[in-house]
């Protein structure tokens, strides 16, 4: 597909989760990799069809937790030992057991914030408009319809071949998705 194309892809509408799952398997086995499914609820088995094994959110969460842990401990260490050493009851300046509650809380806080921001970033949010919103009848995706979209950026994308493949899956309809 040429880069100056005015089509985002082709979208098929299905009336059941089973039909969408079957069509997804057929499209993926045909070699198409740039495929999206839109459903009103999660469908068991769809993630295996699309081979979803992305662990970047877990890595971002781990990095956020480690930064929070070392940041919290380091902040207290700096304040109690270097910046404002204050002897309380004869305890040592570097009394690490007293640093544990704040370190733990900052670890959890930074991990949760990193997970939230990382999830938004990886999902491309905030996105006030997506090309599939231009598709005919796509507003039913949040009610009772299931949609499968093959993107035009797929190297194997040929509109006639993809339309034929989607129509062989017995959808309610196949629509062009304009940009």
Foldseek 3Di string as FASTA:
>chain_A
DDPPDQFFFKKFKAQDPVLVLVLLLLVVVVPFLQKDKFAQDDDPPPCVSNVDDDCVLVVQLQVQLVCQLCVQLVVQLCVQPPVDPDQDPNDDSPPPVVSPVSSVVSSVVRSVVSSVVVVCVVVVPPDPDDLQVQKPPCVCRNPRMMMMTRGPVTPPDDPVVVLVSSVVSVGPDMTTRGD
